[in-house]
């Protein structure tokens, strides 16, 4: 009996220690730099990159726990965006020094594009000078077709370049619209949107022509800094506008018809602006930003909604510095910002990718444990990237929980389902991806 008591005490101590040292919210990890970090991209479960001012390039190989610096051999360029089209081929958009003000010559302002073909181990200058533009966005819709876009000032010309050979060469595509392209998102080779000041434009022919689908006429400086699509129809845009240095509004817009119409999910006079948006599913959305997108003021924030934008709450973060980019990778969330800030959250989503090995087929496994009380795990495999849903229904067919909704890469995933608020009984869970639907049953016993 005494030994049993000792074992119970020991288990209690272990449990208490785990609770004390586990991370349940946002916490800071060391970056090893004080340069402003502007962009973040993960290529698999473990490996990610971040770039920033003065040629800053960082890499992690342990899911963001530690970061190491990579030298590009030039600290004069501000690295605006990093993006990988697959696990080997990546690009960095670098802005040249601003030069002489107030009117620097346009040919002195340019974007330099860096490229890697070995997963970020080595980088080389792919395009030394694309003059008269600072590119802000890059995206590939498949292995061959990609776009880069940007501009110089809030008004005036912009530039968009396109590749159809995997980024080996780029050619310019005039947009016919005015103003810097601040954000861009394509859902396939033909359909995409771009965000500018006060407007969103849409193309249905691969960028050949663009039509205006949204305009804010009530505020002069309405900046659409980020666009994110869950699928071909459902998308979100975010940013902020300012009337003067003291009055600023942040906003989140939503479309359910492929960008043709947009409506507000958030539009408040908070004195802040959203710089980055991460959409986990239609219900769960994170946004990060600052007082001003280009300000060094102590003003960073992360907000979150779990009900599709009906209400938003501030996340507790260990910084007041501006945040420039926010991403999710597997179960974890990451935010980067000024003064080398990298912030991590270990439980940003309810589904975890447990393998990147491409399965032979689509599979939905039996939940474990089963019967369960009150929580269980559901594992599934998808053999091709695509829009994926995993939903739970009661015995009458009523949807109880939407566990997964969004684009998923090929691999094996595990979702957690908590039935603490449900009655005992039989429930069904359904996987829908790439035209395949699989349903299984599970039993909750209390």
Protein backbone atom coordinates (compact mmCIF):
# COMPACT_ATOMS: atom_id res chain seq x y z
CA UNK A 1 0.00 0.00 0.00
CA UNK A 2 2.84 2.35 0.83
CA UNK A 3 4.54 1.70 -2.51
CA UNK A 4 1.27 2.43 -4.33
CA UNK A 5 1.02 5.75 -2.49
CA UNK A 6 4.57 6.64 -3.51
CA UNK A 7 3.80 5.81 -7.13
CA UNK A 8 0.72 8.06 -7.06
CA UNK A 9 2.74 10.93 -5.61
CA UNK A 10 5.44 10.46 -8.25
CA UNK A 11 2.88 10.46 -11.07
CA UNK A 12 1.30 13.62 -9.66
CA UNK A 13 4.68 15.35 -9.57
CA UNK A 14 5.41 14.34 -13.19
CA UNK A 15 1.98 15.54 -14.34
CA UNK A 16 2.37 18.85 -12.50
CA UNK A 17 5.81 19.37 -14.01
CA UNK A 18 4.52 18.71 -17.51
CA UNK A 19 1.69 21.17 -16.99
CA UNK A 20 4.08 23.82 -15.70
CA UNK A 21 6.54 23.53 -18.55
CA UNK A 22 4.20 22.85 -21.48
CA UNK A 23 3.46 25.82 -23.70
CA UNK A 24 -0.22 26.52 -24.18
CA UNK A 25 -0.06 30.03 -25.67
CA UNK A 26 2.28 32.17 -27.73
CA UNK A 27 5.90 32.26 -26.58
CA UNK A 28 9.10 33.71 -28.00
CA UNK A 29 11.94 31.63 -29.43
CA UNK A 30 15.42 33.01 -30.04
CA UNK A 31 16.16 34.12 -33.59
CA UNK A 32 19.74 35.26 -33.04
CA UNK A 33 19.12 38.55 -34.86
CA UNK A 34 17.67 41.98 -34.14
CA UNK A 35 16.76 42.65 -37.77
CA UNK A 36 13.10 43.05 -38.66
CA UNK A 37 11.68 39.75 -39.96
CA UNK A 38 9.10 40.23 -42.71
CA UNK A 39 8.17 36.81 -44.12
CA UNK A 40 7.93 33.16 -43.08
CA UNK A 41 7.53 29.89 -45.00
CA UNK A 42 7.67 26.20 -43.99
CA UNK A 43 8.46 23.51 -46.57
CA UNK A 44 7.62 20.48 -44.38
CA UNK A 45 6.85 19.54 -40.79
CA UNK A 46 10.26 20.56 -39.48
CA UNK A 47 11.97 22.93 -41.91
CA UNK A 48 11.08 26.59 -42.27
CA UNK A 49 12.65 29.88 -43.33
CA UNK A 50 12.26 33.53 -42.41
CA UNK A 51 13.65 36.63 -44.14
CA UNK A 52 13.92 40.31 -43.27
CA UNK A 53 15.81 43.55 -43.48
CA UNK A 54 19.57 43.86 -44.18
CA UNK A 55 19.70 40.49 -45.92
CA UNK A 56 18.39 38.49 -42.95
CA UNK A 57 17.77 34.81 -43.81
CA UNK A 58 17.06 32.26 -41.07
CA UNK A 59 16.33 28.53 -41.15
CA UNK A 60 14.90 26.06 -38.64
CA UNK A 61 15.04 22.27 -38.95
CA UNK A 62 13.27 21.42 -35.68
CA UNK A 63 9.83 22.99 -36.10
CA UNK A 64 10.91 26.44 -35.03
CA UNK A 65 12.54 25.60 -31.72
CA UNK A 66 15.91 27.00 -32.85
CA UNK A 67 16.96 29.13 -35.83
CA UNK A 68 20.28 29.57 -37.66
CA UNK A 69 21.43 32.38 -39.95
CA UNK A 70 22.27 31.80 -43.64
CA UNK A 71 24.42 34.36 -45.44
CA UNK A 72 23.41 35.56 -48.91
CA UNK A 73 26.62 37.56 -49.20
CA UNK A 74 24.87 40.95 -49.28
CA UNK A 75 23.28 42.85 -46.40
CA UNK A 76 22.08 45.84 -48.44
CA UNK A 77 18.83 44.25 -49.65
CA UNK A 78 15.66 44.09 -47.59
CA UNK A 79 14.21 40.62 -48.12
CA UNK A 80 10.45 41.08 -48.41
CA UNK A 81 9.11 37.60 -49.17
CA UNK A 82 10.25 33.96 -49.12
CA UNK A 83 8.29 31.24 -50.91
CA UNK A 84 8.86 27.63 -51.97
CA UNK A 85 6.93 26.08 -54.84
CA UNK A 86 7.99 22.62 -53.61
CA UNK A 87 10.41 21.24 -51.02
CA UNK A 88 13.47 21.94 -53.22
CA UNK A 89 12.75 25.09 -55.23
CA UNK A 90 12.36 28.38 -53.42
CA UNK A 91 12.51 32.12 -54.13
CA UNK A 92 13.28 35.27 -52.15
CA UNK A 93 12.14 38.74 -53.25
CA UNK A 94 14.70 41.35 -52.22
CA UNK A 95 14.18 45.13 -52.33
CA UNK A 96 17.14 47.32 -53.25
CA UNK A 97 18.30 50.20 -51.00
CA UNK A 98 16.01 53.21 -51.37
CA UNK A 99 18.75 55.53 -52.59
CA UNK A 100 18.52 59.33 -52.65
CA UNK A 101 15.32 60.97 -51.40
CA UNK A 102 12.93 62.61 -51.96
CA UNK A 103 12.99 61.54 -55.63
CA UNK A 104 15.33 58.58 -56.17
CA UNK A 105 15.71 57.60 -59.85
CA UNK A 106 13.41 54.74 -60.77
CA UNK A 107 16.21 52.67 -62.26
CA UNK A 108 17.90 52.64 -58.85
CA UNK A 109 14.84 51.01 -57.27
CA UNK A 110 14.58 47.35 -58.17
CA UNK A 111 13.85 43.82 -57.00
CA UNK A 112 16.53 41.16 -56.84
CA UNK A 113 15.27 37.57 -56.87
CA UNK A 114 17.25 34.83 -55.14
CA UNK A 115 16.61 31.15 -55.84
CA UNK A 116 17.42 27.74 -54.35
CA UNK A 117 17.06 24.34 -56.00
CA UNK A 118 18.28 22.20 -53.08
CA UNK A 119 15.77 22.98 -50.34
CA UNK A 120 17.45 26.18 -49.12
CA UNK A 121 20.95 24.83 -48.52
CA UNK A 122 22.42 27.03 -51.25
CA UNK A 123 21.05 30.25 -52.76
CA UNK A 124 22.04 32.18 -55.88
CA UNK A 125 20.98 35.43 -57.55
CA UNK A 126 18.46 34.40 -60.19
CA UNK A 127 17.28 37.85 -61.34
CA UNK A 128 19.76 40.60 -60.37
CA UNK A 129 17.63 43.63 -61.32
CA UNK A 130 13.97 43.98 -62.24
CA UNK A 131 13.89 47.76 -62.26
CA UNK A 132 11.17 50.17 -61.20
CA UNK A 133 9.35 47.76 -58.88
CA UNK A 134 9.42 46.31 -55.39
CA UNK A 135 7.78 42.88 -55.65
CA UNK A 136 5.66 41.96 -52.61
CA UNK A 137 4.02 38.65 -53.57
CA UNK A 138 4.95 35.37 -55.24
CA UNK A 139 2.87 32.24 -55.82
CA UNK A 140 2.92 29.12 -57.95
CA UNK A 141 -0.39 27.43 -58.81
CA UNK A 142 1.37 24.31 -60.08
CA UNK A 143 4.93 23.19 -60.80
CA UNK A 144 5.17 25.35 -63.92
CA UNK A 145 2.88 28.38 -63.56
CA UNK A 146 3.74 31.15 -61.12
CA UNK A 147 3.26 34.88 -60.58
CA UNK A 148 5.12 37.73 -58.85
CA UNK A 149 3.63 41.19 -58.31
CA UNK A 150 4.22 44.55 -56.66
CA UNK A 151 4.83 48.22 -57.29
CA UNK A 152 6.62 51.22 -55.83
CA UNK A 153 4.12 53.65 -54.37
CA UNK A 154 0.46 53.49 -53.31
CA UNK A 155 -0.50 55.20 -56.56
CA UNK A 156 1.05 54.88 -59.98
CA UNK A 157 2.14 51.85 -61.98
CA UNK A 158 2.50 48.28 -60.80
CA UNK A 159 4.11 45.22 -62.30
CA UNK A 160 3.19 41.56 -62.57
CA UNK A 161 5.44 38.87 -64.01
CA UNK A 162 4.46 35.32 -64.95
CA UNK A 163 6.37 32.10 -65.54
CA UNK A 164 5.15 28.98 -67.33
CA UNK A 165 8.38 26.99 -66.99
CA UNK A 166 8.77 26.65 -63.25
CA UNK A 167 10.50 29.99 -62.73
CA UNK A 168 13.34 29.48 -65.19
CA UNK A 169 12.22 32.65 -66.99
CA UNK A 170 9.63 35.38 -66.34
CA UNK A 171 7.73 37.72 -68.64
CA UNK A 172 5.77 40.86 -67.79
CA UNK A 173 1.96 40.91 -67.87
CA UNK A 174 0.48 44.45 -67.80
CA UNK A 175 -2.48 44.56 -65.40
CA UNK A 176 -4.20 47.69 -66.67
CA UNK A 177 -4.90 48.82 -63.10
CA UNK A 178 -3.33 51.59 -61.04
CA UNK A 179 -1.45 51.30 -57.74
CA UNK A 180 0.96 48.98 -55.99
CA UNK A 181 -0.17 45.36 -55.76
CA UNK A 182 0.06 44.66 -52.02
CA UNK A 183 -1.26 41.10 -52.03
CA UNK A 184 -2.11 38.33 -54.49
CA UNK A 185 -3.73 34.92 -54.47
CA UNK A 186 -4.53 32.52 -57.31
CA UNK A 187 -6.77 29.48 -56.82
CA UNK A 188 -5.83 27.92 -60.17
CA UNK A 189 -4.04 28.84 -63.40
CA UNK A 190 -6.83 31.16 -64.48
CA UNK A 191 -8.53 32.55 -61.37
CA UNK A 192 -6.91 34.97 -58.94
CA UNK A 193 -7.30 38.24 -57.06
CA UNK A 194 -4.95 41.11 -56.22
CA UNK A 195 -5.27 43.56 -53.34
CA UNK A 196 -4.28 47.22 -53.73
CA UNK A 197 -5.08 50.45 -51.95
CA UNK A 198 -8.89 50.76 -51.76
CA UNK A 199 -9.55 47.97 -54.27
CA UNK A 200 -9.54 44.25 -55.05
CA UNK A 201 -9.35 43.06 -58.67
CA UNK A 202 -10.08 39.62 -60.10
CA UNK A 203 -8.89 37.72 -63.18
CA UNK A 204 -10.42 34.64 -64.78
CA UNK A 205 -7.92 34.33 -67.64
CA UNK A 206 -4.57 33.91 -65.94
CA UNK A 207 -3.87 37.62 -65.42
CA UNK A 208 -4.47 38.80 -68.97
CA UNK A 209 -7.30 41.11 -67.86
CA UNK A 210 -8.55 42.25 -64.45
CA UNK A 211 -11.95 43.48 -63.26
CA UNK A 212 -12.69 45.43 -60.07
CA UNK A 213 -14.72 43.41 -57.55
CA UNK A 214 -14.33 45.52 -54.40
CA UNK A 215 -13.76 49.21 -53.67
CA UNK A 216 -13.74 51.19 -50.45
CA UNK A 217 -14.75 54.72 -51.39
CA UNK A 218 -15.16 56.06 -47.87
CA UNK A 219 -11.49 56.06 -46.82
CA UNK A 220 -8.54 57.36 -48.75
CA UNK A 221 -5.90 54.85 -47.63
CA UNK A 222 -7.50 51.40 -47.51
CA UNK A 223 -4.61 48.89 -47.79
CA UNK A 224 -5.34 45.23 -48.61
CA UNK A 225 -2.19 43.61 -47.20
CA UNK A 226 -3.14 39.92 -47.35
CA UNK A 227 -5.44 37.59 -49.29
CA UNK A 228 -6.09 33.95 -48.40
CA UNK A 229 -8.41 31.36 -50.02
CA UNK A 230 -9.64 28.13 -48.43
CA UNK A 231 -10.96 26.81 -51.73
CA UNK A 232 -12.03 28.09 -55.12
CA UNK A 233 -15.04 29.94 -53.67
CA UNK A 234 -14.22 30.91 -50.08
CA UNK A 235 -11.61 33.58 -49.54
CA UNK A 236 -10.55 36.26 -47.08
CA UNK A 237 -8.75 39.60 -47.38
CA UNK A 238 -7.37 41.77 -44.59
CA UNK A 239 -5.53 45.00 -43.96
CA UNK A 240 -6.21 48.43 -42.60
CA UNK A 241 -6.86 52.02 -43.47
CA UNK A 242 -5.94 55.24 -41.77
CA UNK A 243 -7.58 58.64 -41.76
CA UNK A 244 -4.59 60.24 -40.03
CA UNK A 245 -1.79 59.21 -37.68
CA UNK A 246 -4.19 58.68 -34.78
CA UNK A 247 -7.22 57.06 -36.42
CA UNK A 248 -6.71 53.69 -38.04
CA UNK A 249 -9.07 50.80 -38.77
CA UNK A 250 -8.34 47.13 -39.30
CA UNK A 251 -10.60 44.97 -41.43
CA UNK A 252 -11.23 41.42 -42.61
CA UNK A 253 -13.32 40.73 -45.72
CA UNK A 254 -14.86 37.46 -46.90
CA UNK A 255 -16.05 36.13 -50.24
CA UNK A 256 -18.08 32.98 -50.87
CA UNK A 257 -18.34 33.29 -54.65
CA UNK A 258 -14.72 33.14 -55.81
CA UNK A 259 -13.98 36.81 -55.10
CA UNK A 260 -16.85 38.30 -57.04
CA UNK A 261 -18.39 39.92 -53.94
CA UNK A 262 -16.89 40.78 -50.54
CA UNK A 263 -18.41 41.55 -47.14
CA UNK A 264 -16.91 42.60 -43.80
CA UNK A 265 -16.19 40.13 -41.01
CA UNK A 266 -14.29 42.75 -39.04
CA UNK A 267 -14.14 46.53 -39.37
CA UNK A 268 -13.17 48.33 -36.18
CA UNK A 269 -11.49 51.57 -35.19
CA UNK A 270 -8.83 49.87 -33.07
CA UNK A 271 -5.93 52.08 -34.08
CA UNK A 272 -4.21 49.06 -35.64
CA UNK A 273 -3.74 47.48 -39.07
CA UNK A 274 -3.65 43.79 -40.06
CA UNK A 275 -0.50 42.78 -41.91
CA UNK A 276 -1.06 39.01 -42.15
CA UNK A 277 -3.97 36.59 -42.05
CA UNK A 278 -3.98 32.82 -41.47
CA UNK A 279 -7.21 30.91 -42.14
CA UNK A 280 -7.37 27.44 -40.60
CA UNK A 281 -10.98 26.86 -41.62
CA UNK A 282 -14.09 28.98 -42.01
CA UNK A 283 -14.50 29.15 -38.25
CA UNK A 284 -10.91 29.51 -37.05
CA UNK A 285 -8.96 32.54 -38.28
CA UNK A 286 -5.88 34.33 -36.90
CA UNK A 287 -4.68 37.83 -37.83
CA UNK A 288 -1.56 39.77 -36.83
CA UNK A 289 -0.36 43.32 -37.28
CA UNK A 290 0.61 46.64 -35.74
CA UNK A 291 -0.35 50.30 -35.50
CA UNK A 292 1.22 50.93 -38.91
CA UNK A 293 2.50 48.37 -41.38
CA UNK A 294 5.85 50.15 -41.61
CA UNK A 295 6.10 51.47 -38.05
CA UNK A 296 8.56 50.53 -35.32
CA UNK A 297 6.10 51.56 -32.65
CA UNK A 298 5.34 49.11 -29.84
CA UNK A 299 2.07 47.92 -31.26
CA UNK A 300 2.05 44.22 -32.18
CA UNK A 301 -1.10 42.11 -31.81
CA UNK A 302 -2.65 38.75 -32.73
CA UNK A 303 -6.42 38.35 -32.81
CA UNK A 304 -8.45 35.18 -33.28
CA UNK A 305 -11.99 34.13 -34.13
CA UNK A 306 -13.43 30.65 -33.60
CA UNK A 307 -16.88 31.42 -35.02
CA UNK A 308 -16.12 32.62 -38.52
CA UNK A 309 -15.63 36.27 -37.61
CA UNK A 310 -18.72 36.94 -35.47
CA UNK A 311 -16.45 37.76 -32.53
CA UNK A 312 -12.70 38.38 -32.28
CA UNK A 313 -10.48 38.11 -29.21
CA UNK A 314 -6.94 39.26 -28.50
CA UNK A 315 -4.35 36.51 -28.12
CA UNK A 316 -1.87 36.94 -25.29
CA UNK A 317 1.57 37.49 -26.85
CA UNK A 318 4.95 38.18 -25.20
CA UNK A 319 5.69 41.26 -27.31
CA UNK A 320 4.46 44.71 -28.16
CA UNK A 321 6.58 44.96 -31.31
CA UNK A 322 4.94 45.02 -34.76
CA UNK A 323 4.23 41.64 -36.38
CA UNK A 324 4.68 41.29 -40.13
CA UNK A 325 3.75 37.68 -40.97
CA UNK A 326 1.69 34.87 -39.43
CA UNK A 327 1.65 31.26 -40.60
CA UNK A 328 0.45 27.84 -39.46
CA UNK A 329 2.52 24.69 -39.93
CA UNK A 330 1.09 21.38 -38.83
CA UNK A 331 -0.43 21.95 -35.36
CA UNK A 332 1.74 24.98 -34.64
CA UNK A 333 1.48 28.71 -35.30
CA UNK A 334 4.32 31.13 -35.96
CA UNK A 335 4.54 34.91 -36.13
CA UNK A 336 7.56 37.04 -37.03
CA UNK A 337 8.20 40.74 -36.68
CA UNK A 338 10.49 43.54 -35.73
CA UNK A 339 13.69 43.24 -33.67
CA UNK A 340 14.14 39.62 -34.78
CA UNK A 341 10.95 38.52 -33.07
CA UNK A 342 9.79 34.92 -33.67
CA UNK A 343 6.77 33.74 -31.71
CA UNK A 344 5.32 30.25 -31.59
CA UNK A 345 2.10 28.57 -30.48
CA UNK A 346 2.02 24.78 -30.18
CA UNK A 347 -1.73 24.23 -30.58
CA UNK A 348 -3.01 26.58 -33.27
CA UNK A 349 -5.15 23.95 -35.05
CA UNK A 350 -7.00 20.77 -34.17
CA UNK A 351 -5.40 18.56 -36.84
CA UNK A 352 -1.77 17.43 -37.00
CA UNK A 353 0.14 16.21 -40.05
CA UNK A 354 2.10 13.22 -38.74
CA UNK A 355 3.78 12.18 -42.01
CA UNK A 356 4.62 13.78 -45.36
CA UNK A 357 5.08 10.39 -47.07
CA UNK A 358 2.54 10.22 -49.91
CA UNK A 359 0.09 7.36 -49.21
CA UNK A 360 -0.98 4.94 -51.93
CA UNK A 361 -4.65 5.79 -51.49
CA UNK A 362 -7.16 7.81 -49.47
CA UNK A 363 -7.87 6.16 -46.12
CA UNK A 364 -9.97 6.95 -43.08
CA UNK A 365 -8.93 4.93 -40.03
CA UNK A 366 -11.09 3.82 -37.14
CA UNK A 367 -10.92 6.32 -34.31
CA UNK A 368 -8.91 5.40 -31.22
CA UNK A 369 -9.91 4.75 -28.56
CA UNK A 370 -13.35 3.46 -29.49
CA UNK A 371 -15.58 3.51 -27.48
CA UNK A 372 -14.20 6.80 -26.07
CA UNK A 373 -14.86 9.15 -23.16
CA UNK A 374 -14.69 12.05 -23.80
CA UNK A 375 -11.87 12.44 -26.40
CA UNK A 376 -10.61 10.36 -29.31
CA UNK A 377 -8.19 10.60 -32.25
CA UNK A 378 -9.07 10.19 -35.94
CA UNK A 379 -6.30 9.43 -38.43
CA UNK A 380 -6.69 9.83 -42.18
CA UNK A 381 -4.47 9.67 -45.27
CA UNK A 382 -4.70 11.59 -48.53
CA UNK A 383 -2.62 10.72 -51.58
CA UNK A 384 -3.04 14.02 -53.43
CA UNK A 385 -3.11 17.62 -52.26
CA UNK A 386 -6.56 19.16 -52.30
CA UNK A 387 -9.46 20.65 -50.40
CA UNK A 388 -10.22 18.35 -47.47
CA UNK A 389 -13.05 18.16 -44.94
CA UNK A 390 -13.51 15.95 -41.87
CA UNK A 391 -16.87 16.34 -40.14
CA UNK A 392 -18.68 14.67 -37.24
CA UNK A 393 -22.45 13.96 -37.30
CA UNK A 394 -24.93 12.59 -34.76
CA UNK A 395 -27.22 9.64 -35.48
CA UNK A 396 -29.89 11.98 -36.99
CA UNK A 397 -27.40 13.34 -39.54
CA UNK A 398 -26.95 16.70 -37.82
CA UNK A 399 -23.42 18.13 -38.16
CA UNK A 400 -21.79 18.29 -34.72
CA UNK A 401 -18.24 19.38 -35.45
CA UNK A 402 -16.18 20.50 -38.44
CA UNK A 403 -12.73 19.14 -37.56
CA UNK A 404 -10.92 19.90 -40.83
CA UNK A 405 -11.77 22.26 -43.65
CA UNK A 406 -9.15 23.60 -46.01
CA UNK A 407 -6.36 22.78 -48.43
CA UNK A 408 -4.11 19.92 -47.28
CA UNK A 409 -0.94 18.53 -48.80
CA UNK A 410 -0.65 14.79 -49.42
CA UNK A 411 0.27 12.91 -46.24
CA UNK A 412 -1.09 11.37 -43.05
CA UNK A 413 -3.02 13.46 -40.53
CA UNK A 414 -4.48 13.00 -37.06
CA UNK A 415 -7.41 15.04 -35.74
CA UNK A 416 -8.61 15.28 -32.14
CA UNK A 417 -12.31 15.14 -31.30
CA UNK A 418 -13.62 16.06 -27.86
CA UNK A 419 -17.14 14.90 -26.97
CA UNK A 420 -17.19 16.38 -23.48
CA UNK A 421 -20.41 18.33 -24.17
CA UNK A 422 -22.19 15.47 -25.97
CA UNK A 423 -24.45 12.66 -24.77
CA UNK A 424 -23.51 9.00 -24.98
CA UNK A 425 -24.36 7.42 -28.30
CA UNK A 426 -23.28 6.57 -31.84
CA UNK A 427 -21.65 9.29 -33.94
CA UNK A 428 -20.39 9.29 -37.51
CA UNK A 429 -17.30 10.97 -38.97
CA UNK A 430 -16.94 11.66 -42.69
CA UNK A 431 -13.80 12.39 -44.75
CA UNK A 432 -14.28 14.26 -48.04
CA UNK A 433 -11.33 14.98 -50.33
CA UNK A 434 -10.54 14.90 -54.06
CA UNK A 435 -13.99 13.55 -54.96
CA UNK A 436 -13.85 10.70 -52.41
CA UNK A 437 -16.12 10.37 -49.35
CA UNK A 438 -15.53 7.84 -46.56
CA UNK A 439 -17.70 7.51 -43.44
CA UNK A 440 -17.13 5.55 -40.22
CA UNK A 441 -18.95 5.30 -36.90
CA UNK A 442 -17.73 5.74 -33.32
CA UNK A 443 -19.27 5.28 -29.88
CA UNK A 444 -19.20 7.78 -27.03
CA UNK A 445 -19.80 6.11 -23.62
CA UNK A 446 -20.05 8.23 -20.47
